[in-house]
């Protein structure tokens, strides 16, 4: 039991695996909603921190994250990358992730923010 002023109990790996279940809603600048597996969203270190940090952040409670600076077509590509990364992180043969040249700069800026 944690009382006032007591630090929270350390999280065990099993707790993190349970937290990885379910879905997360990622919302683009235009308001388009992408519902992705939480495990896929955890590919992003930024999202992982937003969704698992103690402290009662709204992203943790609501399971949704708004990206007012990321357009829909870029967020869609990022969601595709999350699933691609999960699939190929299991040690299977890797194929190149397709990126259209015209979105490269915007995609790199979003990936940098998301720490993916």
PDB file of N, CA and C in Angstrom:
ATOM      1  N   UNK A   1       0.845  -1.181   0.000  1.00  0.00           N
ATOM      2  CA  UNK A   1       0.000   0.000   0.000  1.00  0.00           C
ATOM      3  C   UNK A   1       0.890   1.244   0.000  1.00  0.00           C
ATOM      4  N   UNK A   2       0.515   2.203  -0.779  1.00  0.00           N
ATOM      5  CA  UNK A   2       1.291   3.432  -0.879  1.00  0.00           C
ATOM      6  C   UNK A   2       0.539   4.527  -0.148  1.00  0.00           C
ATOM      7  N   UNK A   3       1.205   5.160   0.811  1.00  0.00           N
ATOM      8  CA  UNK A   3       0.603   6.263   1.540  1.00  0.00           C
ATOM      9  C   UNK A   3       1.083   7.583   0.976  1.00  0.00           C
ATOM     10  N   UNK A   4       0.618   8.657   1.548  1.00  0.00           N
ATOM     11  CA  UNK A   4       1.053   9.975   1.099  1.00  0.00           C
ATOM     12  C   UNK A   4       2.547  10.118   1.324  1.00  0.00           C
ATOM     13  N   UNK A   5       3.256  10.568   0.310  1.00  0.00           N
ATOM     14  CA  UNK A   5       4.683  10.789   0.420  1.00  0.00           C
ATOM     15  C   UNK A   5       5.528   9.553   0.158  1.00  0.00           C
ATOM     16  N   UNK A   6       4.901   8.369   0.118  1.00  0.00           N
ATOM     17  CA  UNK A   6       5.659   7.157  -0.181  1.00  0.00           C
ATOM     18  C   UNK A   6       5.876   7.057  -1.677  1.00  0.00           C
ATOM     19  N   UNK A   7       7.071   6.660  -2.106  1.00  0.00           N
ATOM     20  CA  UNK A   7       7.292   6.488  -3.542  1.00  0.00           C
ATOM     21  C   UNK A   7       6.481   5.304  -4.056  1.00  0.00           C
ATOM     22  N   UNK A   8       6.073   5.339  -5.307  1.00  0.00           N
ATOM     23  CA  UNK A   8       5.324   4.214  -5.857  1.00  0.00           C
ATOM     24  C   UNK A   8       6.198   2.969  -5.913  1.00  0.00           C
ATOM     25  N   UNK A   9       5.547   1.826  -5.809  1.00  0.00           N
ATOM     26  CA  UNK A   9       6.277   0.557  -5.874  1.00  0.00           C
ATOM     27  C   UNK A   9       6.894   0.402  -7.250  1.00  0.00           C
ATOM     28  N   UNK A  10       8.084  -0.191  -7.333  1.00  0.00           N
ATOM     29  CA  UNK A  10       8.704  -0.382  -8.655  1.00  0.00           C
ATOM     30  C   UNK A  10       7.843  -1.273  -9.526  1.00  0.00           C
ATOM     31  N   UNK A  11       7.804  -0.955 -10.816  1.00  0.00           N
ATOM     32  CA  UNK A  11       7.008  -1.731 -11.766  1.00  0.00           C
ATOM     33  C   UNK A  11       7.788  -2.948 -12.202  1.00  0.00           C
ATOM     34  N   UNK A  12       7.099  -4.035 -12.314  1.00  0.00           N
ATOM     35  CA  UNK A  12       7.735  -5.255 -12.781  1.00  0.00           C
ATOM     36  C   UNK A  12       7.472  -5.404 -14.271  1.00  0.00           C
ATOM     37  N   UNK A  13       8.303  -6.208 -14.935  1.00  0.00           N
ATOM     38  CA  UNK A  13       8.164  -6.432 -16.378  1.00  0.00           C
ATOM     39  C   UNK A  13       6.779  -6.962 -16.713  1.00  0.00           C
ATOM     40  N   UNK A  14       6.226  -7.793 -15.823  1.00  0.00           N
ATOM     41  CA  UNK A  14       4.900  -8.360 -16.064  1.00  0.00           C
ATOM     42  C   UNK A  14       3.850  -7.260 -16.124  1.00  0.00           C
ATOM     43  N   UNK A  15       3.979  -6.231 -15.262  1.00  0.00           N
ATOM     44  CA  UNK A  15       3.054  -5.106 -15.281  1.00  0.00           C
ATOM     45  C   UNK A  15       3.117  -4.375 -16.613  1.00  0.00           C
ATOM     46  N   UNK A  16       4.322  -4.185 -17.151  1.00  0.00           N
ATOM     47  CA  UNK A  16       4.474  -3.496 -18.435  1.00  0.00           C
ATOM     48  C   UNK A  16       3.829  -4.281 -19.558  1.00  0.00           C
ATOM     49  N   UNK A  17       3.956  -5.615 -19.510  1.00  0.00           N
ATOM     50  CA  UNK A  17       3.339  -6.429 -20.552  1.00  0.00           C
ATOM     51  C   UNK A  17       1.834  -6.295 -20.510  1.00  0.00           C
ATOM     52  N   UNK A  18       1.257  -6.244 -19.304  1.00  0.00           N
ATOM     53  CA  UNK A  18      -0.183  -6.066 -19.189  1.00  0.00           C
ATOM     54  C   UNK A  18      -0.587  -4.704 -19.741  1.00  0.00           C
ATOM     55  N   UNK A  19       0.211  -3.662 -19.466  1.00  0.00           N
ATOM     56  CA  UNK A  19      -0.084  -2.332 -19.960  1.00  0.00           C
ATOM     57  C   UNK A  19      -0.043  -2.265 -21.474  1.00  0.00           C
ATOM     58  N   UNK A  20       0.716  -3.148 -22.107  1.00  0.00           N
ATOM     59  CA  UNK A  20       0.860  -3.124 -23.552  1.00  0.00           C
ATOM     60  C   UNK A  20      -0.380  -3.664 -24.254  1.00  0.00           C
ATOM     61  N   UNK A  21      -1.330  -4.238 -23.521  1.00  0.00           N
ATOM     62  CA  UNK A  21      -2.549  -4.753 -24.126  1.00  0.00           C
ATOM     63  C   UNK A  21      -3.513  -3.622 -24.421  1.00  0.00           C
ATOM     64  N   UNK A  22      -4.484  -3.891 -25.272  1.00  0.00           N
ATOM     65  CA  UNK A  22      -5.491  -2.890 -25.590  1.00  0.00           C
ATOM     66  C   UNK A  22      -5.123  -2.066 -26.805  1.00  0.00           C
ATOM     67  N   UNK A  23      -5.823  -0.953 -26.938  1.00  0.00           N
ATOM     68  CA  UNK A  23      -5.617  -0.084 -28.090  1.00  0.00           C
ATOM     69  C   UNK A  23      -5.387   1.353 -27.632  1.00  0.00           C
ATOM     70  N   UNK A  24      -4.829   2.137 -28.544  1.00  0.00           N
ATOM     71  CA  UNK A  24      -4.563   3.558 -28.319  1.00  0.00           C
ATOM     72  C   UNK A  24      -5.112   4.313 -29.518  1.00  0.00           C
ATOM     73  N   UNK A  25      -5.672   5.478 -29.262  1.00  0.00           N
ATOM     74  CA  UNK A  25      -6.192   6.313 -30.338  1.00  0.00           C
ATOM     75  C   UNK A  25      -5.194   7.441 -30.583  1.00  0.00           C
ATOM     76  N   UNK A  26      -4.692   7.525 -31.804  1.00  0.00           N
ATOM     77  CA  UNK A  26      -3.781   8.592 -32.197  1.00  0.00           C
ATOM     78  C   UNK A  26      -4.564   9.541 -33.104  1.00  0.00           C
ATOM     79  N   UNK A  27      -4.569  10.824 -32.770  1.00  0.00           N
ATOM     80  CA  UNK A  27      -5.411  11.788 -33.480  1.00  0.00           C
ATOM     81  C   UNK A  27      -4.536  12.807 -34.205  1.00  0.00           C
ATOM     82  N   UNK A  28      -4.745  12.901 -35.523  1.00  0.00           N
ATOM     83  CA  UNK A  28      -3.937  13.792 -36.367  1.00  0.00           C
ATOM     84  C   UNK A  28      -4.375  15.244 -36.230  1.00  0.00           C
ATOM     85  N   UNK A  29      -3.624  16.128 -36.867  1.00  0.00           N
ATOM     86  CA  UNK A  29      -3.920  17.558 -36.845  1.00  0.00           C
ATOM     87  C   UNK A  29      -5.318  17.855 -37.387  1.00  0.00           C
ATOM     88  N   UNK A  30      -5.755  17.077 -38.369  1.00  0.00           N
ATOM     89  CA  UNK A  30      -7.080  17.298 -38.975  1.00  0.00           C
ATOM     90  C   UNK A  30      -8.198  16.604 -38.196  1.00  0.00           C
ATOM     91  N   UNK A  31      -7.843  15.873 -37.134  1.00  0.00           N
ATOM     92  CA  UNK A  31      -8.854  15.206 -36.319  1.00  0.00           C
ATOM     93  C   UNK A  31      -9.129  13.764 -36.701  1.00  0.00           C
ATOM     94  N   UNK A  32      -8.384  13.228 -37.676  1.00  0.00           N
ATOM     95  CA  UNK A  32      -8.577  11.835 -38.059  1.00  0.00           C
ATOM     96  C   UNK A  32      -8.026  10.951 -36.955  1.00  0.00           C
ATOM     97  N   UNK A  33      -8.774   9.900 -36.590  1.00  0.00           N
ATOM     98  CA  UNK A  33      -8.391   9.023 -35.487  1.00  0.00           C
ATOM     99  C   UNK A  33      -7.878   7.684 -36.005  1.00  0.00           C
ATOM    100  N   UNK A  34      -6.695   7.319 -35.556  1.00  0.00           N
ATOM    101  CA  UNK A  34      -6.117   6.008 -35.861  1.00  0.00           C
ATOM    102  C   UNK A  34      -6.142   5.188 -34.584  1.00  0.00           C
ATOM    103  N   UNK A  35      -6.810   4.060 -34.616  1.00  0.00           N
ATOM    104  CA  UNK A  35      -6.847   3.172 -33.460  1.00  0.00           C
ATOM    105  C   UNK A  35      -5.840   2.064 -33.726  1.00  0.00           C
ATOM    106  N   UNK A  36      -4.793   2.026 -32.901  1.00  0.00           N
ATOM    107  CA  UNK A  36      -3.716   1.048 -33.081  1.00  0.00           C
ATOM    108  C   UNK A  36      -3.540   0.240 -31.802  1.00  0.00           C
ATOM    109  N   UNK A  37      -2.985  -0.941 -31.945  1.00  0.00           N
ATOM    110  CA  UNK A  37      -2.666  -1.752 -30.774  1.00  0.00           C
ATOM    111  C   UNK A  37      -1.668  -0.995 -29.917  1.00  0.00           C
ATOM    112  N   UNK A  38      -1.863  -1.061 -28.618  1.00  0.00           N
ATOM    113  CA  UNK A  38      -0.950  -0.361 -27.712  1.00  0.00           C
ATOM    114  C   UNK A  38       0.475  -0.885 -27.874  1.00  0.00           C
ATOM    115  N   UNK A  39       0.597  -2.172 -28.134  1.00  0.00           N
ATOM    116  CA  UNK A  39       1.917  -2.763 -28.331  1.00  0.00           C
ATOM    117  C   UNK A  39       2.613  -2.120 -29.530  1.00  0.00           C
ATOM    118  N   UNK A  40       1.869  -1.851 -30.584  1.00  0.00           N
ATOM    119  CA  UNK A  40       2.442  -1.198 -31.769  1.00  0.00           C
ATOM    120  C   UNK A  40       2.837   0.239 -31.439  1.00  0.00           C
ATOM    121  N   UNK A  41       2.000   0.955 -30.711  1.00  0.00           N
ATOM    122  CA  UNK A  41       2.299   2.341 -30.351  1.00  0.00           C
ATOM    123  C   UNK A  41       3.551   2.435 -29.492  1.00  0.00           C
ATOM    124  N   UNK A  42       3.833   1.378 -28.733  1.00  0.00           N
ATOM    125  CA  UNK A  42       4.997   1.378 -27.845  1.00  0.00           C
ATOM    126  C   UNK A  42       6.320   1.320 -28.617  1.00  0.00           C
ATOM    127  N   UNK A  43       6.266   1.152 -29.947  1.00  0.00           N
ATOM    128  CA  UNK A  43       7.477   1.242 -30.765  1.00  0.00           C
ATOM    129  C   UNK A  43       8.081   2.635 -30.589  1.00  0.00           C
ATOM    130  N   UNK A  44       7.221   3.626 -30.403  1.00  0.00           N
ATOM    131  CA  UNK A  44       7.663   5.008 -30.184  1.00  0.00           C
ATOM    132  C   UNK A  44       7.991   5.202 -28.710  1.00  0.00           C
ATOM    133  N   UNK A  45       9.220   5.626 -28.425  1.00  0.00           N
ATOM    134  CA  UNK A  45       9.594   5.889 -27.034  1.00  0.00           C
ATOM    135  C   UNK A  45       8.797   7.051 -26.446  1.00  0.00           C
ATOM    136  N   UNK A  46       8.461   8.032 -27.265  1.00  0.00           N
ATOM    137  CA  UNK A  46       7.659   9.159 -26.793  1.00  0.00           C
ATOM    138  C   UNK A  46       6.270   8.677 -26.381  1.00  0.00           C
ATOM    139  N   UNK A  47       5.632   7.873 -27.226  1.00  0.00           N
ATOM    140  CA  UNK A  47       4.310   7.346 -26.884  1.00  0.00           C
ATOM    141  C   UNK A  47       4.389   6.418 -25.677  1.00  0.00           C
ATOM    142  N   UNK A  48       5.426   5.607 -25.623  1.00  0.00           N
ATOM    143  CA  UNK A  48       5.605   4.705 -24.479  1.00  0.00           C
ATOM    144  C   UNK A  48       5.626   5.520 -23.184  1.00  0.00           C
ATOM    145  N   UNK A  49       6.397   6.605 -23.178  1.00  0.00           N
ATOM    146  CA  UNK A  49       6.472   7.444 -21.982  1.00  0.00           C
ATOM    147  C   UNK A  49       5.139   8.119 -21.675  1.00  0.00           C
ATOM    148  N   UNK A  50       4.445   8.586 -22.699  1.00  0.00           N
ATOM    149  CA  UNK A  50       3.152   9.243 -22.491  1.00  0.00           C
ATOM    150  C   UNK A  50       2.125   8.281 -21.905  1.00  0.00           C
ATOM    151  N   UNK A  51       2.151   7.041 -22.382  1.00  0.00           N
ATOM    152  CA  UNK A  51       1.109   6.080 -22.019  1.00  0.00           C
ATOM    153  C   UNK A  51       1.404   5.286 -20.754  1.00  0.00           C
ATOM    154  N   UNK A  52       2.634   5.277 -20.302  1.00  0.00           N
ATOM    155  CA  UNK A  52       2.969   4.449 -19.140  1.00  0.00           C
ATOM    156  C   UNK A  52       3.493   5.245 -17.953  1.00  0.00           C
ATOM    157  N   UNK A  53       3.652   6.539 -18.093  1.00  0.00           N
ATOM    158  CA  UNK A  53       4.206   7.343 -17.009  1.00  0.00           C
ATOM    159  C   UNK A  53       3.215   7.471 -15.861  1.00  0.00           C
ATOM    160  N   UNK A  54       3.734   7.352 -14.641  1.00  0.00           N
ATOM    161  CA  UNK A  54       2.862   7.630 -13.498  1.00  0.00           C
ATOM    162  C   UNK A  54       2.613   9.134 -13.424  1.00  0.00           C
ATOM    163  N   UNK A  55       1.570   9.518 -12.780  1.00  0.00           N
ATOM    164  CA  UNK A  55       1.326  10.944 -12.618  1.00  0.00           C
ATOM    165  C   UNK A  55      -0.015  11.393 -13.146  1.00  0.00           C
ATOM    166  N   UNK A  56      -0.799  10.479 -13.674  1.00  0.00           N
ATOM    167  CA  UNK A  56      -2.151  10.827 -14.089  1.00  0.00           C
ATOM    168  C   UNK A  56      -2.247  11.685 -15.329  1.00  0.00           C
ATOM    169  N   UNK A  57      -1.339  11.510 -16.287  1.00  0.00           N
ATOM    170  CA  UNK A  57      -1.433  12.257 -17.534  1.00  0.00           C
ATOM    171  C   UNK A  57      -2.695  11.844 -18.275  1.00  0.00           C
ATOM    172  N   UNK A  58      -3.294  12.781 -18.997  1.00  0.00           N
ATOM    173  CA  UNK A  58      -4.544  12.480 -19.702  1.00  0.00           C
ATOM    174  C   UNK A  58      -4.348  11.383 -20.748  1.00  0.00           C
ATOM    175  N   UNK A  59      -3.161  11.334 -21.378  1.00  0.00           N
ATOM    176  CA  UNK A  59      -2.895  10.284 -22.366  1.00  0.00           C
ATOM    177  C   UNK A  59      -2.955   8.905 -21.721  1.00  0.00           C
ATOM    178  N   UNK A  60      -2.450   8.805 -20.504  1.00  0.00           N
ATOM    179  CA  UNK A  60      -2.467   7.527 -19.783  1.00  0.00           C
ATOM    180  C   UNK A  60      -3.889   7.141 -19.435  1.00  0.00           C
ATOM    181  N   UNK A  61      -4.650   8.082 -18.913  1.00  0.00           N
ATOM    182  CA  UNK A  61      -6.023   7.798 -18.483  1.00  0.00           C
ATOM    183  C   UNK A  61      -6.952   7.516 -19.656  1.00  0.00           C
ATOM    184  N   UNK A  62      -6.880   8.327 -20.705  1.00  0.00           N
ATOM    185  CA  UNK A  62      -7.836   8.237 -21.804  1.00  0.00           C
ATOM    186  C   UNK A  62      -7.413   7.291 -22.905  1.00  0.00           C
ATOM    187  N   UNK A  63      -6.124   6.966 -22.974  1.00  0.00           N
ATOM    188  CA  UNK A  63      -5.647   6.080 -24.030  1.00  0.00           C
ATOM    189  C   UNK A  63      -5.700   6.726 -25.401  1.00  0.00           C
ATOM    190  N   UNK A  64      -5.567   8.038 -25.447  1.00  0.00           N
ATOM    191  CA  UNK A  64      -5.535   8.735 -26.733  1.00  0.00           C
ATOM    192  C   UNK A  64      -4.513   9.858 -26.685  1.00  0.00           C
ATOM    193  N   UNK A  65      -3.895  10.093 -27.844  1.00  0.00           N
ATOM    194  CA  UNK A  65      -2.870  11.123 -27.948  1.00  0.00           C
ATOM    195  C   UNK A  65      -3.177  11.985 -29.167  1.00  0.00           C
ATOM    196  N   UNK A  66      -3.193  13.285 -28.961  1.00  0.00           N
ATOM    197  CA  UNK A  66      -3.445  14.239 -30.049  1.00  0.00           C
ATOM    198  C   UNK A  66      -2.119  14.780 -30.569  1.00  0.00           C
ATOM    199  N   UNK A  67      -2.041  14.884 -31.889  1.00  0.00           N
ATOM    200  CA  UNK A  67      -0.855  15.430 -32.544  1.00  0.00           C
ATOM    201  C   UNK A  67      -1.271  16.612 -33.406  1.00  0.00           C
ATOM    202  N   UNK A  68      -1.373  17.808 -32.823  1.00  0.00           N
ATOM    203  CA  UNK A  68      -1.853  18.971 -33.573  1.00  0.00           C
ATOM    204  C   UNK A  68      -0.908  19.426 -34.677  1.00  0.00           C
ATOM    205  N   UNK A  69       0.316  18.923 -34.692  1.00  0.00           N
ATOM    206  CA  UNK A  69       1.293  19.327 -35.707  1.00  0.00           C
ATOM    207  C   UNK A  69       1.554  18.245 -36.762  1.00  0.00           C
ATOM    208  N   UNK A  70       0.956  17.063 -36.596  1.00  0.00           N
ATOM    209  CA  UNK A  70       1.221  15.966 -37.538  1.00  0.00           C
ATOM    210  C   UNK A  70      -0.007  15.740 -38.419  1.00  0.00           C
ATOM    211  N   UNK A  71       0.131  15.972 -39.737  1.00  0.00           N
ATOM    212  CA  UNK A  71      -1.001  15.774 -40.651  1.00  0.00           C
ATOM    213  C   UNK A  71      -1.384  14.293 -40.781  1.00  0.00           C
ATOM    214  N   UNK A  72      -2.593  14.066 -41.230  1.00  0.00           N
ATOM    215  CA  UNK A  72      -3.149  12.721 -41.320  1.00  0.00           C
ATOM    216  C   UNK A  72      -2.282  11.781 -42.148  1.00  0.00           C
ATOM    217  N   UNK A  73      -1.823  12.220 -43.331  1.00  0.00           N
ATOM    218  CA  UNK A  73      -1.070  11.303 -44.199  1.00  0.00           C
ATOM    219  C   UNK A  73       0.275  10.907 -43.575  1.00  0.00           C
ATOM    220  N   UNK A  74       0.845  11.759 -42.732  1.00  0.00           N
ATOM    221  CA  UNK A  74       2.101  11.432 -42.058  1.00  0.00           C
ATOM    222  C   UNK A  74       1.826  10.490 -40.884  1.00  0.00           C
ATOM    223  N   UNK A  75       0.788  10.768 -40.109  1.00  0.00           N
ATOM    224  CA  UNK A  75       0.452   9.903 -38.978  1.00  0.00           C
ATOM    225  C   UNK A  75       0.063   8.506 -39.461  1.00  0.00           C
ATOM    226  N   UNK A  76      -0.602   8.429 -40.609  1.00  0.00           N
ATOM    227  CA  UNK A  76      -0.946   7.126 -41.187  1.00  0.00           C
ATOM    228  C   UNK A  76       0.325   6.336 -41.501  1.00  0.00           C
ATOM    229  N   UNK A  77       1.299   6.982 -42.092  1.00  0.00           N
ATOM    230  CA  UNK A  77       2.569   6.319 -42.427  1.00  0.00           C
ATOM    231  C   UNK A  77       3.300   5.878 -41.161  1.00  0.00           C
ATOM    232  N   UNK A  78       3.236   6.695 -40.123  1.00  0.00           N
ATOM    233  CA  UNK A  78       3.863   6.346 -38.852  1.00  0.00           C
ATOM    234  C   UNK A  78       3.197   5.108 -38.253  1.00  0.00           C
ATOM    235  N   UNK A  79       1.880   5.036 -38.307  1.00  0.00           N
ATOM    236  CA  UNK A  79       1.162   3.860 -37.801  1.00  0.00           C
ATOM    237  C   UNK A  79       1.565   2.614 -38.592  1.00  0.00           C
ATOM    238  N   UNK A  80       1.699   2.757 -39.907  1.00  0.00           N
ATOM    239  CA  UNK A  80       2.158   1.638 -40.728  1.00  0.00           C
ATOM    240  C   UNK A  80       3.552   1.202 -40.288  1.00  0.00           C
ATOM    241  N   UNK A  81       4.402   2.174 -39.984  1.00  0.00           N
ATOM    242  CA  UNK A  81       5.768   1.852 -39.535  1.00  0.00           C
ATOM    243  C   UNK A  81       5.752   1.104 -38.201  1.00  0.00           C
ATOM    244  N   UNK A  82       4.878   1.493 -37.278  1.00  0.00           N
ATOM    245  CA  UNK A  82       4.795   0.795 -35.998  1.00  0.00           C
ATOM    246  C   UNK A  82       4.571  -0.698 -36.222  1.00  0.00           C
ATOM    247  N   UNK A  83       3.609  -1.036 -37.073  1.00  0.00           N
ATOM    248  CA  UNK A  83       3.310  -2.451 -37.327  1.00  0.00           C
ATOM    249  C   UNK A  83       4.440  -3.130 -38.097  1.00  0.00           C
ATOM    250  N   UNK A  84       5.043  -2.426 -39.041  1.00  0.00           N
ATOM    251  CA  UNK A  84       6.182  -2.964 -39.792  1.00  0.00           C
ATOM    252  C   UNK A  84       7.325  -3.274 -38.830  1.00  0.00           C
ATOM    253  N   UNK A  85       7.595  -2.354 -37.932  1.00  0.00           N
ATOM    254  CA  UNK A  85       8.677  -2.527 -36.968  1.00  0.00           C
ATOM    255  C   UNK A  85       8.415  -3.717 -36.049  1.00  0.00           C
ATOM    256  N   UNK A  86       7.195  -3.864 -35.577  1.00  0.00           N
ATOM    257  CA  UNK A  86       6.847  -5.013 -34.728  1.00  0.00           C
ATOM    258  C   UNK A  86       7.054  -6.324 -35.470  1.00  0.00           C
ATOM    259  N   UNK A  87       6.609  -6.357 -36.713  1.00  0.00           N
ATOM    260  CA  UNK A  87       6.700  -7.577 -37.510  1.00  0.00           C
ATOM    261  C   UNK A  87       8.157  -7.995 -37.731  1.00  0.00           C
ATOM    262  N   UNK A  88       9.005  -7.034 -38.060  1.00  0.00           N
ATOM    263  CA  UNK A  88      10.387  -7.360 -38.393  1.00  0.00           C
ATOM    264  C   UNK A  88      11.334  -7.328 -37.199  1.00  0.00           C
ATOM    265  N   UNK A  89      10.860  -6.917 -36.028  1.00  0.00           N
ATOM    266  CA  UNK A  89      11.717  -6.934 -34.839  1.00  0.00           C
ATOM    267  C   UNK A  89      11.834  -8.339 -34.267  1.00  0.00           C
ATOM    268  N   UNK A  90      11.058  -9.259 -34.766  1.00  0.00           N
ATOM    269  CA  UNK A  90      11.080 -10.636 -34.269  1.00  0.00           C
ATOM    270  C   UNK A  90      12.185 -11.464 -34.904  1.00  0.00           C
ATOM    271  N   UNK A  91      13.091 -10.803 -35.633  1.00  0.00           N
ATOM    272  CA  UNK A  91      14.212 -11.520 -36.228  1.00  0.00           C
ATOM    273  C   UNK A  91      13.902 -12.144 -37.574  1.00  0.00           C
ATOM    274  N   UNK A  92      12.730 -11.840 -38.114  1.00  0.00           N
ATOM    275  CA  UNK A  92      12.392 -12.373 -39.425  1.00  0.00           C
ATOM    276  C   UNK A  92      13.134 -11.580 -40.492  1.00  0.00           C
ATOM    277  N   UNK A  93      13.135 -12.113 -41.675  1.00  0.00           N
ATOM    278  CA  UNK A  93      13.794 -11.427 -42.793  1.00  0.00           C
ATOM    279  C   UNK A  93      13.188 -10.029 -42.959  1.00  0.00           C
ATOM    280  N   UNK A  94      14.046  -9.038 -43.111  1.00  0.00           N
ATOM    281  CA  UNK A  94      13.604  -7.643 -43.197  1.00  0.00           C
ATOM    282  C   UNK A  94      13.435  -7.205 -44.646  1.00  0.00           C
ATOM    283  N   UNK A  95      12.347  -6.491 -44.889  1.00  0.00           N
ATOM    284  CA  UNK A  95      12.167  -5.825 -46.177  1.00  0.00           C
ATOM    285  C   UNK A  95      12.239  -4.328 -45.907  1.00  0.00           C
ATOM    286  N   UNK A  96      12.528  -3.573 -46.930  1.00  0.00           N
ATOM    287  CA  UNK A  96      12.644  -2.133 -46.779  1.00  0.00           C
ATOM    288  C   UNK A  96      11.269  -1.512 -46.556  1.00  0.00           C
ATOM    289  N   UNK A  97      11.197  -0.577 -45.616  1.00  0.00           N
ATOM    290  CA  UNK A  97       9.943   0.128 -45.363  1.00  0.00           C
ATOM    291  C   UNK A  97       9.758   1.177 -46.455  1.00  0.00           C
ATOM    292  N   UNK A  98       8.647   1.124 -47.191  1.00  0.00           N
ATOM    293  CA  UNK A  98       8.459   2.054 -48.314  1.00  0.00           C
ATOM    294  C   UNK A  98       8.109   3.470 -47.851  1.00  0.00           C
ATOM    295  N   UNK A  99       8.860   4.446 -48.350  1.00  0.00           N
ATOM    296  CA  UNK A  99       8.604   5.853 -48.043  1.00  0.00           C
ATOM    297  C   UNK A  99       8.599   6.638 -49.351  1.00  0.00           C
ATOM    298  N   UNK A 100       7.518   7.355 -49.586  1.00  0.00           N
ATOM    299  CA  UNK A 100       7.420   8.175 -50.778  1.00  0.00           C
ATOM    300  C   UNK A 100       8.339   9.386 -50.608  1.00  0.00           C
ATOM    301  N   UNK A 101       9.108   9.727 -51.644  1.00  0.00           N
ATOM    302  CA  UNK A 101      10.068  10.833 -51.527  1.00  0.00           C
ATOM    303  C   UNK A 101       9.437  12.169 -51.120  1.00  0.00           C
ATOM    304  N   UNK A 102       8.214  12.425 -51.550  1.00  0.00           N
ATOM    305  CA  UNK A 102       7.595  13.718 -51.267  1.00  0.00           C
ATOM    306  C   UNK A 102       7.201  13.907 -49.794  1.00  0.00           C
ATOM    307  N   UNK A 103       7.163  12.832 -49.006  1.00  0.00           N
ATOM    308  CA  UNK A 103       6.810  12.980 -47.586  1.00  0.00           C
ATOM    309  C   UNK A 103       8.015  12.768 -46.663  1.00  0.00           C
ATOM    310  N   UNK A 104       9.182  12.558 -47.231  1.00  0.00           N
ATOM    311  CA  UNK A 104      10.365  12.200 -46.442  1.00  0.00           C
ATOM    312  C   UNK A 104      10.676  13.212 -45.343  1.00  0.00           C
ATOM    313  N   UNK A 105      10.708  14.487 -45.660  1.00  0.00           N
ATOM    314  CA  UNK A 105      11.072  15.497 -44.666  1.00  0.00           C
ATOM    315  C   UNK A 105      10.062  15.544 -43.522  1.00  0.00           C
ATOM    316  N   UNK A 106       8.768  15.605 -43.864  1.00  0.00           N
ATOM    317  CA  UNK A 106       7.727  15.639 -42.828  1.00  0.00           C
ATOM    318  C   UNK A 106       7.763  14.373 -41.980  1.00  0.00           C
ATOM    319  N   UNK A 107       7.989  13.250 -42.618  1.00  0.00           N
ATOM    320  CA  UNK A 107       8.042  11.978 -41.904  1.00  0.00           C
ATOM    321  C   UNK A 107       9.241  11.930 -40.954  1.00  0.00           C
ATOM    322  N   UNK A 108      10.379  12.442 -41.405  1.00  0.00           N
ATOM    323  CA  UNK A 108      11.570  12.463 -40.546  1.00  0.00           C
ATOM    324  C   UNK A 108      11.355  13.363 -39.320  1.00  0.00           C
ATOM    325  N   UNK A 109      10.711  14.492 -39.514  1.00  0.00           N
ATOM    326  CA  UNK A 109      10.451  15.391 -38.377  1.00  0.00           C
ATOM    327  C   UNK A 109       9.507  14.740 -37.372  1.00  0.00           C
ATOM    328  N   UNK A 110       8.463  14.077 -37.862  1.00  0.00           N
ATOM    329  CA  UNK A 110       7.523  13.403 -36.962  1.00  0.00           C
ATOM    330  C   UNK A 110       8.193  12.228 -36.257  1.00  0.00           C
ATOM    331  N   UNK A 111       9.006  11.464 -36.995  1.00  0.00           N
ATOM    332  CA  UNK A 111       9.705  10.322 -36.398  1.00  0.00           C
ATOM    333  C   UNK A 111      10.686  10.791 -35.337  1.00  0.00           C
ATOM    334  N   UNK A 112      11.326  11.922 -35.565  1.00  0.00           N
ATOM    335  CA  UNK A 112      12.238  12.482 -34.574  1.00  0.00           C
ATOM    336  C   UNK A 112      11.480  12.852 -33.298  1.00  0.00           C
ATOM    337  N   UNK A 113      10.327  13.495 -33.437  1.00  0.00           N
ATOM    338  CA  UNK A 113       9.512  13.859 -32.281  1.00  0.00           C
ATOM    339  C   UNK A 113       9.055  12.617 -31.528  1.00  0.00           C
ATOM    340  N   UNK A 114       8.646  11.610 -32.273  1.00  0.00           N
ATOM    341  CA  UNK A 114       8.123  10.392 -31.656  1.00  0.00           C
ATOM    342  C   UNK A 114       9.214   9.444 -31.177  1.00  0.00           C
ATOM    343  N   UNK A 115      10.465   9.751 -31.500  1.00  0.00           N
ATOM    344  CA  UNK A 115      11.601   8.938 -31.080  1.00  0.00           C
ATOM    345  C   UNK A 115      11.411   7.485 -31.524  1.00  0.00           C
ATOM    346  N   UNK A 116      11.205   7.324 -32.842  1.00  0.00           N
ATOM    347  CA  UNK A 116      11.029   5.981 -33.403  1.00  0.00           C
ATOM    348  C   UNK A 116      12.179   5.634 -34.314  1.00  0.00           C
TER     349      UNK A 116
END
